[in-house]
PDB file of N, CA and C in Angstrom:
ATOM      1  N   MET A   1       0.843  -1.173   0.000  1.00  0.00           N
ATOM      2  CA  MET A   1       0.000   0.000   0.000  1.00  0.00           C
ATOM      3  C   MET A   1       0.894   1.245   0.000  1.00  0.00           C
ATOM      4  N   LYS A   2       0.652   2.133  -0.946  1.00  0.00           N
ATOM      5  CA  LYS A   2       1.471   3.338  -1.091  1.00  0.00           C
ATOM      6  C   LYS A   2       0.727   4.556  -0.535  1.00  0.00           C
ATOM      7  N   VAL A   3       1.393   5.296   0.358  1.00  0.00           N
ATOM      8  CA  VAL A   3       0.804   6.500   0.938  1.00  0.00           C
ATOM      9  C   VAL A   3       1.390   7.690   0.202  1.00  0.00           C
ATOM     10  N   SER A   4       0.513   8.506  -0.385  1.00  0.00           N
ATOM     11  CA  SER A   4       1.018   9.673  -1.110  1.00  0.00           C
ATOM     12  C   SER A   4       1.162  10.841  -0.143  1.00  0.00           C
ATOM     13  N   LYS A   5       2.297  11.497  -0.255  1.00  0.00           N
ATOM     14  CA  LYS A   5       2.544  12.671   0.594  1.00  0.00           C
ATOM     15  C   LYS A   5       2.158  13.931  -0.161  1.00  0.00           C
ATOM     16  N   LYS A   6       1.439  14.780   0.517  1.00  0.00           N
ATOM     17  CA  LYS A   6       1.083  16.062  -0.087  1.00  0.00           C
ATOM     18  C   LYS A   6       2.245  17.024   0.134  1.00  0.00           C
ATOM     19  N   PRO A   7       2.574  17.812  -0.877  1.00  0.00           N
ATOM     20  CA  PRO A   7       3.645  18.790  -0.665  1.00  0.00           C
ATOM     21  C   PRO A   7       3.212  19.839   0.367  1.00  0.00           C
ATOM     22  N   VAL A   8       4.141  20.217   1.210  1.00  0.00           N
ATOM     23  CA  VAL A   8       3.852  21.205   2.248  1.00  0.00           C
ATOM     24  C   VAL A   8       3.871  22.588   1.612  1.00  0.00           C
ATOM     25  N   GLN A   9       2.796  23.340   1.835  1.00  0.00           N
ATOM     26  CA  GLN A   9       2.728  24.706   1.318  1.00  0.00           C
ATOM     27  C   GLN A   9       3.564  25.607   2.213  1.00  0.00           C
ATOM     28  N   ARG A  10       4.552  26.241   1.638  1.00  0.00           N
ATOM     29  CA  ARG A  10       5.394  27.145   2.422  1.00  0.00           C
ATOM     30  C   ARG A  10       4.835  28.565   2.350  1.00  0.00           C
ATOM     31  N   VAL A  11       4.765  29.200   3.494  1.00  0.00           N
ATOM     32  CA  VAL A  11       4.316  30.586   3.557  1.00  0.00           C
ATOM     33  C   VAL A  11       5.564  31.457   3.489  1.00  0.00           C
ATOM     34  N   LYS A  12       5.573  32.365   2.515  1.00  0.00           N
ATOM     35  CA  LYS A  12       6.735  33.229   2.352  1.00  0.00           C
ATOM     36  C   LYS A  12       6.852  34.176   3.537  1.00  0.00           C
ATOM     37  N   HIS A  13       8.058  34.239   4.114  1.00  0.00           N
ATOM     38  CA  HIS A  13       8.318  35.130   5.247  1.00  0.00           C
ATOM     39  C   HIS A  13       8.378  36.568   4.760  1.00  0.00           C
ATOM     40  N   VAL A  14       7.623  37.444   5.410  1.00  0.00           N
ATOM     41  CA  VAL A  14       7.624  38.867   5.074  1.00  0.00           C
ATOM     42  C   VAL A  14       8.240  39.615   6.245  1.00  0.00           C
ATOM     43  N   PRO A  15       9.435  40.212   6.052  1.00  0.00           N
ATOM     44  CA  PRO A  15      10.063  40.943   7.151  1.00  0.00           C
ATOM     45  C   PRO A  15       9.203  42.114   7.607  1.00  0.00           C
ATOM     46  N   GLN A  16       9.085  42.294   8.916  1.00  0.00           N
ATOM     47  CA  GLN A  16       8.288  43.364   9.502  1.00  0.00           C
ATOM     48  C   GLN A  16       9.218  44.384  10.153  1.00  0.00           C
ATOM     49  N   ARG A  17       8.838  45.657  10.090  1.00  0.00           N
ATOM     50  CA  ARG A  17       9.610  46.722  10.734  1.00  0.00           C
ATOM     51  C   ARG A  17       8.641  47.673  11.430  1.00  0.00           C
ATOM     52  N   THR A  18       9.144  48.377  12.432  1.00  0.00           N
ATOM     53  CA  THR A  18       8.334  49.329  13.199  1.00  0.00           C
ATOM     54  C   THR A  18       8.664  50.753  12.769  1.00  0.00           C
ATOM     55  N   CYS A  19       7.633  51.529  12.506  1.00  0.00           N
ATOM     56  CA  CYS A  19       7.809  52.940  12.149  1.00  0.00           C
ATOM     57  C   CYS A  19       8.293  53.694  13.382  1.00  0.00           C
ATOM     58  N   VAL A  20       9.366  54.448  13.233  1.00  0.00           N
ATOM     59  CA  VAL A  20       9.938  55.218  14.336  1.00  0.00           C
ATOM     60  C   VAL A  20       8.970  56.327  14.768  1.00  0.00           C
ATOM     61  N   GLY A  21       8.171  56.841  13.847  1.00  0.00           N
ATOM     62  CA  GLY A  21       7.261  57.950  14.153  1.00  0.00           C
ATOM     63  C   GLY A  21       6.025  57.547  14.916  1.00  0.00           C
ATOM     64  N   CYS A  22       5.350  56.456  14.482  1.00  0.00           N
ATOM     65  CA  CYS A  22       4.070  56.100  15.102  1.00  0.00           C
ATOM     66  C   CYS A  22       4.087  54.729  15.780  1.00  0.00           C
ATOM     67  N   ARG A  23       5.186  54.009  15.672  1.00  0.00           N
ATOM     68  CA  ARG A  23       5.363  52.687  16.288  1.00  0.00           C
ATOM     69  C   ARG A  23       4.482  51.608  15.681  1.00  0.00           C
ATOM     70  N   GLU A  24       3.907  51.829  14.509  1.00  0.00           N
ATOM     71  CA  GLU A  24       3.098  50.822  13.839  1.00  0.00           C
ATOM     72  C   GLU A  24       4.010  49.835  13.119  1.00  0.00           C
ATOM     73  N   ILE A  25       3.653  48.557  13.141  1.00  0.00           N
ATOM     74  CA  ILE A  25       4.457  47.521  12.494  1.00  0.00           C
ATOM     75  C   ILE A  25       3.867  47.217  11.125  1.00  0.00           C
ATOM     76  N   LEU A  26       4.719  47.286  10.104  1.00  0.00           N
ATOM     77  CA  LEU A  26       4.305  47.041   8.728  1.00  0.00           C
ATOM     78  C   LEU A  26       5.367  46.223   8.014  1.00  0.00           C
ATOM     79  N   PRO A  27       5.017  45.657   6.839  1.00  0.00           N
ATOM     80  CA  PRO A  27       6.052  44.990   6.043  1.00  0.00           C
ATOM     81  C   PRO A  27       7.160  45.973   5.669  1.00  0.00           C
ATOM     82  N   LYS A  28       8.383  45.491   5.719  1.00  0.00           N
ATOM     83  CA  LYS A  28       9.570  46.300   5.459  1.00  0.00           C
ATOM     84  C   LYS A  28       9.489  47.050   4.125  1.00  0.00           C
ATOM     85  N   ARG A  29       8.969  46.406   3.097  1.00  0.00           N
ATOM     86  CA  ARG A  29       8.920  47.000   1.754  1.00  0.00           C
ATOM     87  C   ARG A  29       7.978  48.184   1.641  1.00  0.00           C
ATOM     88  N   LYS A  30       7.049  48.327   2.575  1.00  0.00           N
ATOM     89  CA  LYS A  30       6.084  49.433   2.527  1.00  0.00           C
ATOM     90  C   LYS A  30       6.579  50.662   3.284  1.00  0.00           C
ATOM     91  N   MET A  31       7.821  50.602   3.792  1.00  0.00           N
ATOM     92  CA  MET A  31       8.341  51.691   4.595  1.00  0.00           C
ATOM     93  C   MET A  31       9.591  52.288   3.948  1.00  0.00           C
ATOM     94  N   ILE A  32       9.966  53.465   4.411  1.00  0.00           N
ATOM     95  CA  ILE A  32      11.154  54.150   3.900  1.00  0.00           C
ATOM     96  C   ILE A  32      12.263  53.955   4.915  1.00  0.00           C
ATOM     97  N   ARG A  33      13.411  53.474   4.439  1.00  0.00           N
ATOM     98  CA  ARG A  33      14.544  53.241   5.340  1.00  0.00           C
ATOM     99  C   ARG A  33      15.452  54.460   5.362  1.00  0.00           C
ATOM    100  N   LEU A  34      15.847  54.840   6.557  1.00  0.00           N
ATOM    101  CA  LEU A  34      16.850  55.888   6.753  1.00  0.00           C
ATOM    102  C   LEU A  34      18.063  55.201   7.350  1.00  0.00           C
ATOM    103  N   VAL A  35      19.233  55.630   6.944  1.00  0.00           N
ATOM    104  CA  VAL A  35      20.444  54.963   7.407  1.00  0.00           C
ATOM    105  C   VAL A  35      21.472  55.979   7.896  1.00  0.00           C
ATOM    106  N   ARG A  36      22.178  55.607   8.968  1.00  0.00           N
ATOM    107  CA  ARG A  36      23.261  56.435   9.491  1.00  0.00           C
ATOM    108  C   ARG A  36      24.545  55.988   8.801  1.00  0.00           C
ATOM    109  N   THR A  37      25.185  56.912   8.098  1.00  0.00           N
ATOM    110  CA  THR A  37      26.441  56.617   7.415  1.00  0.00           C
ATOM    111  C   THR A  37      27.495  57.613   7.894  1.00  0.00           C
ATOM    112  N   THR A  38      28.687  57.465   7.378  1.00  0.00           N
ATOM    113  CA  THR A  38      29.755  58.406   7.746  1.00  0.00           C
ATOM    114  C   THR A  38      29.464  59.799   7.210  1.00  0.00           C
ATOM    115  N   GLU A  39      28.656  59.903   6.137  1.00  0.00           N
ATOM    116  CA  GLU A  39      28.291  61.208   5.562  1.00  0.00           C
ATOM    117  C   GLU A  39      27.095  61.824   6.267  1.00  0.00           C
ATOM    118  N   GLY A  40      26.494  61.113   7.202  1.00  0.00           N
ATOM    119  CA  GLY A  40      25.314  61.612   7.900  1.00  0.00           C
ATOM    120  C   GLY A  40      24.129  60.695   7.673  1.00  0.00           C
ATOM    121  N   VAL A  41      22.973  61.132   8.106  1.00  0.00           N
ATOM    122  CA  VAL A  41      21.750  60.347   7.952  1.00  0.00           C
ATOM    123  C   VAL A  41      21.165  60.627   6.576  1.00  0.00           C
ATOM    124  N   GLN A  42      20.812  59.564   5.866  1.00  0.00           N
ATOM    125  CA  GLN A  42      20.230  59.751   4.535  1.00  0.00           C
ATOM    126  C   GLN A  42      19.158  58.713   4.245  1.00  0.00           C
ATOM    127  N   VAL A  43      18.305  59.025   3.273  1.00  0.00           N
ATOM    128  CA  VAL A  43      17.247  58.120   2.843  1.00  0.00           C
ATOM    129  C   VAL A  43      17.902  57.012   2.020  1.00  0.00           C
ATOM    130  N   ASP A  44      17.487  55.775   2.266  1.00  0.00           N
ATOM    131  CA  ASP A  44      18.030  54.614   1.569  1.00  0.00           C
ATOM    132  C   ASP A  44      16.928  53.979   0.720  1.00  0.00           C
ATOM    133  N   PRO A  45      16.785  54.423  -0.544  1.00  0.00           N
ATOM    134  CA  PRO A  45      15.700  53.895  -1.375  1.00  0.00           C
ATOM    135  C   PRO A  45      15.849  52.409  -1.696  1.00  0.00           C
ATOM    136  N   THR A  46      17.073  51.893  -1.719  1.00  0.00           N
ATOM    137  CA  THR A  46      17.289  50.476  -2.042  1.00  0.00           C
ATOM    138  C   THR A  46      17.086  49.580  -0.826  1.00  0.00           C
ATOM    139  N   GLY A  47      17.258  50.149   0.373  1.00  0.00           N
ATOM    140  CA  GLY A  47      17.145  49.354   1.588  1.00  0.00           C
ATOM    141  C   GLY A  47      18.366  48.496   1.842  1.00  0.00           C
ATOM    142  N   LYS A  48      19.451  48.777   1.126  1.00  0.00           N
ATOM    143  CA  LYS A  48      20.626  47.909   1.218  1.00  0.00           C
ATOM    144  C   LYS A  48      21.913  48.621   1.621  1.00  0.00           C
ATOM    145  N   LEU A  49      21.841  49.927   1.890  1.00  0.00           N
ATOM    146  CA  LEU A  49      23.052  50.641   2.288  1.00  0.00           C
ATOM    147  C   LEU A  49      23.561  50.111   3.623  1.00  0.00           C
ATOM    148  N   ALA A  50      24.875  50.084   3.770  1.00  0.00           N
ATOM    149  CA  ALA A  50      25.467  49.642   5.029  1.00  0.00           C
ATOM    150  C   ALA A  50      25.299  50.721   6.080  1.00  0.00           C
ATOM    151  N   GLY A  51      25.039  50.316   7.285  1.00  0.00           N
ATOM    152  CA  GLY A  51      24.896  51.265   8.370  1.00  0.00           C
ATOM    153  C   GLY A  51      23.656  50.980   9.190  1.00  0.00           C
ATOM    154  N   ARG A  52      23.554  51.635  10.322  1.00  0.00           N
ATOM    155  CA  ARG A  52      22.398  51.447  11.197  1.00  0.00           C
ATOM    156  C   ARG A  52      21.172  52.090  10.552  1.00  0.00           C
ATOM    157  N   GLY A  53      20.078  51.355  10.500  1.00  0.00           N
ATOM    158  CA  GLY A  53      18.887  51.844   9.829  1.00  0.00           C
ATOM    159  C   GLY A  53      17.697  52.023  10.750  1.00  0.00           C
ATOM    160  N   ALA A  54      16.752  52.811  10.283  1.00  0.00           N
ATOM    161  CA  ALA A  54      15.475  53.015  10.962  1.00  0.00           C
ATOM    162  C   ALA A  54      14.421  53.176   9.871  1.00  0.00           C
ATOM    163  N   TYR A  55      13.178  52.871  10.192  1.00  0.00           N
ATOM    164  CA  TYR A  55      12.115  52.888   9.187  1.00  0.00           C
ATOM    165  C   TYR A  55      11.016  53.868   9.550  1.00  0.00           C
ATOM    166  N   LEU A  56      10.459  54.501   8.505  1.00  0.00           N
ATOM    167  CA  LEU A  56       9.345  55.437   8.664  1.00  0.00           C
ATOM    168  C   LEU A  56       8.304  55.192   7.582  1.00  0.00           C
ATOM    169  N   HIS A  57       7.036  55.493   7.918  1.00  0.00           N
ATOM    170  CA  HIS A  57       5.960  55.492   6.921  1.00  0.00           C
ATOM    171  C   HIS A  57       6.249  56.564   5.877  1.00  0.00           C
ATOM    172  N   ASP A  58       5.482  56.569   4.831  1.00  0.00           N
ATOM    173  CA  ASP A  58       5.564  57.659   3.858  1.00  0.00           C
ATOM    174  C   ASP A  58       4.546  58.747   4.198  1.00  0.00           C
ATOM    175  N   ARG A  59       4.322  58.949   5.505  1.00  0.00           N
ATOM    176  CA  ARG A  59       3.389  59.986   5.969  1.00  0.00           C
ATOM    177  C   ARG A  59       4.179  61.104   6.638  1.00  0.00           C
ATOM    178  N   ARG A  60       3.804  62.315   6.317  1.00  0.00           N
ATOM    179  CA  ARG A  60       4.511  63.476   6.858  1.00  0.00           C
ATOM    180  C   ARG A  60       4.424  63.538   8.388  1.00  0.00           C
ATOM    181  N   GLU A  61       3.274  63.169   8.956  1.00  0.00           N
ATOM    182  CA  GLU A  61       3.129  63.240  10.410  1.00  0.00           C
ATOM    183  C   GLU A  61       4.117  62.310  11.127  1.00  0.00           C
ATOM    184  N   CYS A  62       4.405  61.164  10.553  1.00  0.00           N
ATOM    185  CA  CYS A  62       5.382  60.246  11.153  1.00  0.00           C
ATOM    186  C   CYS A  62       6.779  60.851  11.090  1.00  0.00           C
ATOM    187  N   TRP A  63       7.096  61.488   9.965  1.00  0.00           N
ATOM    188  CA  TRP A  63       8.412  62.116   9.806  1.00  0.00           C
ATOM    189  C   TRP A  63       8.582  63.269  10.788  1.00  0.00           C
ATOM    190  N   GLU A  64       7.530  64.090  10.946  1.00  0.00           N
ATOM    191  CA  GLU A  64       7.610  65.227  11.872  1.00  0.00           C
ATOM    192  C   GLU A  64       7.857  64.739  13.292  1.00  0.00           C
ATOM    193  N   ARG A  65       7.156  63.684  13.686  1.00  0.00           N
ATOM    194  CA  ARG A  65       7.317  63.133  15.027  1.00  0.00           C
ATOM    195  C   ARG A  65       8.716  62.538  15.191  1.00  0.00           C
ATOM    196  N   ALA A  66       9.191  61.844  14.181  1.00  0.00           N
ATOM    197  CA  ALA A  66      10.509  61.199  14.248  1.00  0.00           C
ATOM    198  C   ALA A  66      11.641  62.220  14.322  1.00  0.00           C
ATOM    199  N   LEU A  67      11.490  63.329  13.600  1.00  0.00           N
ATOM    200  CA  LEU A  67      12.545  64.344  13.588  1.00  0.00           C
ATOM    201  C   LEU A  67      12.659  65.094  14.916  1.00  0.00           C
ATOM    202  N   LYS A  68      11.644  64.959  15.782  1.00  0.00           N
ATOM    203  CA  LYS A  68      11.696  65.622  17.092  1.00  0.00           C
ATOM    204  C   LYS A  68      12.617  64.894  18.065  1.00  0.00           C
ATOM    205  N   GLY A  69      13.095  63.708  17.693  1.00  0.00           N
ATOM    206  CA  GLY A  69      14.020  63.014  18.587  1.00  0.00           C
ATOM    207  C   GLY A  69      14.030  61.508  18.469  1.00  0.00           C
ATOM    208  N   ALA A  70      12.916  60.918  18.057  1.00  0.00           N
ATOM    209  CA  ALA A  70      12.839  59.460  17.987  1.00  0.00           C
ATOM    210  C   ALA A  70      13.801  58.888  16.946  1.00  0.00           C
ATOM    211  N   LEU A  71      13.983  59.593  15.849  1.00  0.00           N
ATOM    212  CA  LEU A  71      14.877  59.113  14.795  1.00  0.00           C
ATOM    213  C   LEU A  71      16.325  59.107  15.269  1.00  0.00           C
ATOM    214  N   ALA A  72      16.754  60.184  15.892  1.00  0.00           N
ATOM    215  CA  ALA A  72      18.126  60.257  16.410  1.00  0.00           C
ATOM    216  C   ALA A  72      18.364  59.154  17.433  1.00  0.00           C
ATOM    217  N   HIS A  73      17.375  58.890  18.264  1.00  0.00           N
ATOM    218  CA  HIS A  73      17.492  57.839  19.273  1.00  0.00           C
ATOM    219  C   HIS A  73      17.591  56.461  18.598  1.00  0.00           C
ATOM    220  N   ALA A  74      16.752  56.217  17.595  1.00  0.00           N
ATOM    221  CA  ALA A  74      16.760  54.926  16.894  1.00  0.00           C
ATOM    222  C   ALA A  74      18.075  54.690  16.156  1.00  0.00           C
ATOM    223  N   LEU A  75      18.649  55.749  15.608  1.00  0.00           N
ATOM    224  CA  LEU A  75      19.903  55.622  14.869  1.00  0.00           C
ATOM    225  C   LEU A  75      21.135  55.760  15.773  1.00  0.00           C
ATOM    226  N   LYS A  76      20.891  56.036  17.051  1.00  0.00           N
ATOM    227  CA  LYS A  76      21.966  56.217  18.038  1.00  0.00           C
ATOM    228  C   LYS A  76      22.988  57.249  17.564  1.00  0.00           C
ATOM    229  N   THR A  77      22.474  58.414  17.195  1.00  0.00           N
ATOM    230  CA  THR A  77      23.324  59.505  16.719  1.00  0.00           C
ATOM    231  C   THR A  77      22.659  60.835  17.030  1.00  0.00           C
ATOM    232  N   THR A  78      23.365  61.904  16.771  1.00  0.00           N
ATOM    233  CA  THR A  78      22.802  63.244  16.875  1.00  0.00           C
ATOM    234  C   THR A  78      22.658  63.774  15.456  1.00  0.00           C
ATOM    235  N   LEU A  79      21.466  64.225  15.111  1.00  0.00           N
ATOM    236  CA  LEU A  79      21.242  64.743  13.759  1.00  0.00           C
ATOM    237  C   LEU A  79      21.877  66.121  13.615  1.00  0.00           C
ATOM    238  N   THR A  80      22.598  66.310  12.519  1.00  0.00           N
ATOM    239  CA  THR A  80      23.230  67.600  12.246  1.00  0.00           C
ATOM    240  C   THR A  80      22.242  68.507  11.529  1.00  0.00           C
ATOM    241  N   VAL A  81      22.612  69.769  11.355  1.00  0.00           N
ATOM    242  CA  VAL A  81      21.782  70.725  10.623  1.00  0.00           C
ATOM    243  C   VAL A  81      21.593  70.236   9.186  1.00  0.00           C
ATOM    244  N   ASP A  82      22.666  69.703   8.580  1.00  0.00           N
ATOM    245  CA  ASP A  82      22.566  69.161   7.218  1.00  0.00           C
ATOM    246  C   ASP A  82      21.603  67.981   7.158  1.00  0.00           C
ATOM    247  N   ASP A  83      21.648  67.105   8.177  1.00  0.00           N
ATOM    248  CA  ASP A  83      20.734  65.957   8.226  1.00  0.00           C
ATOM    249  C   ASP A  83      19.290  66.450   8.249  1.00  0.00           C
ATOM    250  N   TYR A  84      19.000  67.414   9.142  1.00  0.00           N
ATOM    251  CA  TYR A  84      17.646  67.959   9.233  1.00  0.00           C
ATOM    252  C   TYR A  84      17.212  68.565   7.905  1.00  0.00           C
ATOM    253  N   ARG A  85      18.093  69.348   7.283  1.00  0.00           N
ATOM    254  CA  ARG A  85      17.767  69.995   6.009  1.00  0.00           C
ATOM    255  C   ARG A  85      17.444  68.937   4.946  1.00  0.00           C
ATOM    256  N   ARG A  86      18.288  67.914   4.839  1.00  0.00           N
ATOM    257  CA  ARG A  86      18.107  66.857   3.847  1.00  0.00           C
ATOM    258  C   ARG A  86      16.809  66.073   4.089  1.00  0.00           C
ATOM    259  N   LEU A  87      16.542  65.731   5.349  1.00  0.00           N
ATOM    260  CA  LEU A  87      15.356  64.951   5.676  1.00  0.00           C
ATOM    261  C   LEU A  87      14.076  65.770   5.534  1.00  0.00           C
ATOM    262  N   GLU A  88      14.127  67.058   5.910  1.00  0.00           N
ATOM    263  CA  GLU A  88      12.943  67.905   5.745  1.00  0.00           C
ATOM    264  C   GLU A  88      12.645  68.151   4.268  1.00  0.00           C
ATOM    265  N   GLU A  89      13.699  68.224   3.455  1.00  0.00           N
ATOM    266  CA  GLU A  89      13.528  68.375   2.014  1.00  0.00           C
ATOM    267  C   GLU A  89      12.808  67.146   1.443  1.00  0.00           C
ATOM    268  N   TYR A  90      13.223  65.960   1.880  1.00  0.00           N
ATOM    269  CA  TYR A  90      12.575  64.720   1.435  1.00  0.00           C
ATOM    270  C   TYR A  90      11.148  64.662   1.964  1.00  0.00           C
ATOM    271  N   MET A  91      10.961  65.064   3.223  1.00  0.00           N
ATOM    272  CA  MET A  91       9.645  65.039   3.857  1.00  0.00           C
ATOM    273  C   MET A  91       8.655  65.924   3.101  1.00  0.00           C
ATOM    274  N   SER A  92       9.123  67.027   2.531  1.00  0.00           N
ATOM    275  CA  SER A  92       8.226  67.936   1.819  1.00  0.00           C
ATOM    276  C   SER A  92       7.637  67.298   0.555  1.00  0.00           C
ATOM    277  N   THR A  93       8.233  66.199   0.080  1.00  0.00           N
ATOM    278  CA  THR A  93       7.697  65.509  -1.101  1.00  0.00           C
ATOM    279  C   THR A  93       6.634  64.482  -0.720  1.00  0.00           C
ATOM    280  N   LEU A  94       6.479  64.221   0.571  1.00  0.00           N
ATOM    281  CA  LEU A  94       5.531  63.205   1.031  1.00  0.00           C
ATOM    282  C   LEU A  94       4.124  63.778   1.153  1.00  0.00           C
ATOM    283  N   PRO A  95       3.113  62.903   1.025  1.00  0.00           N
ATOM    284  CA  PRO A  95       1.740  63.384   1.185  1.00  0.00           C
ATOM    285  C   PRO A  95       1.472  63.786   2.630  1.00  0.00           C
ATOM    286  N   VAL A  96       0.653  64.817   2.812  1.00  0.00           N
ATOM    287  CA  VAL A  96       0.300  65.285   4.155  1.00  0.00           C
ATOM    288  C   VAL A  96      -0.576  64.241   4.827  1.00  0.00           C
ATOM    289  N   GLU A  97      -1.533  63.728   4.089  1.00  0.00           N
ATOM    290  CA  GLU A  97      -2.457  62.706   4.599  1.00  0.00           C
ATOM    291  C   GLU A  97      -2.104  61.377   3.974  1.00  0.00           C
ATOM    292  N   ALA A  98      -2.062  60.329   4.763  1.00  0.00           N
ATOM    293  CA  ALA A  98      -1.744  59.000   4.245  1.00  0.00           C
ATOM    294  C   ALA A  98      -2.906  58.499   3.396  1.00  0.00           C
ATOM    295  N   GLU A  99      -2.569  57.689   2.398  1.00  0.00           N
ATOM    296  CA  GLU A  99      -3.617  57.094   1.576  1.00  0.00           C
ATOM    297  C   GLU A  99      -4.324  56.045   2.430  1.00  0.00           C
ATOM    298  N   VAL A 100      -5.640  56.154   2.518  1.00  0.00           N
ATOM    299  CA  VAL A 100      -6.396  55.233   3.331  1.00  0.00           C
ATOM    300  C   VAL A 100      -6.813  54.048   2.460  1.00  0.00           C
ATOM    301  N   VAL A 101      -6.406  52.852   2.885  1.00  0.00           N
ATOM    302  CA  VAL A 101      -6.758  51.642   2.167  1.00  0.00           C
ATOM    303  C   VAL A 101      -8.149  51.265   2.629  1.00  0.00           C
ATOM    304  N   GLY A 102      -8.980  50.780   1.702  1.00  0.00           N
ATOM    305  CA  GLY A 102     -10.364  50.447   2.016  1.00  0.00           C
ATOM    306  C   GLY A 102     -10.511  49.562   3.237  1.00  0.00           C
ATOM    307  N   THR A 103     -11.437  49.911   4.120  1.00  0.00           N
ATOM    308  CA  THR A 103     -11.647  49.144   5.350  1.00  0.00           C
ATOM    309  C   THR A 103     -12.768  48.125   5.184  1.00  0.00           C
ATOM    310  N   GLY A 104     -13.428  48.116   4.039  1.00  0.00           N
ATOM    311  CA  GLY A 104     -14.474  47.147   3.794  1.00  0.00           C
ATOM    312  C   GLY A 104     -15.833  47.574   4.295  1.00  0.00           C
ATOM    313  N   GLU A 105     -15.973  48.800   4.734  1.00  0.00           N
ATOM    314  CA  GLU A 105     -17.276  49.289   5.230  1.00  0.00           C
ATOM    315  C   GLU A 105     -17.996  50.027   4.146  1.00  0.00           C
TER     316      GLU A 105
END
């Protein structure tokens, strides 16, 4: 008597990260990575730059909250004037209100 084995369905692992601004946990790919490098703190669009990283939503309110101190704490550094200028410049391109995904109601 032959017993047939069913192949095991593997669930793909989705890395999760916490937004420094609002502390919400989301998939890593849906967030913007910031990285501390020798040149200062910068946005990492590839997600692969070497250095200590932190993640933020693409919402301006999260960025504003993070720039008040949470980001510097997460990156274990002190943000310079250039860092603030660069990050605020990037923040100005973000939507003020987050896109609301349908809740099914």
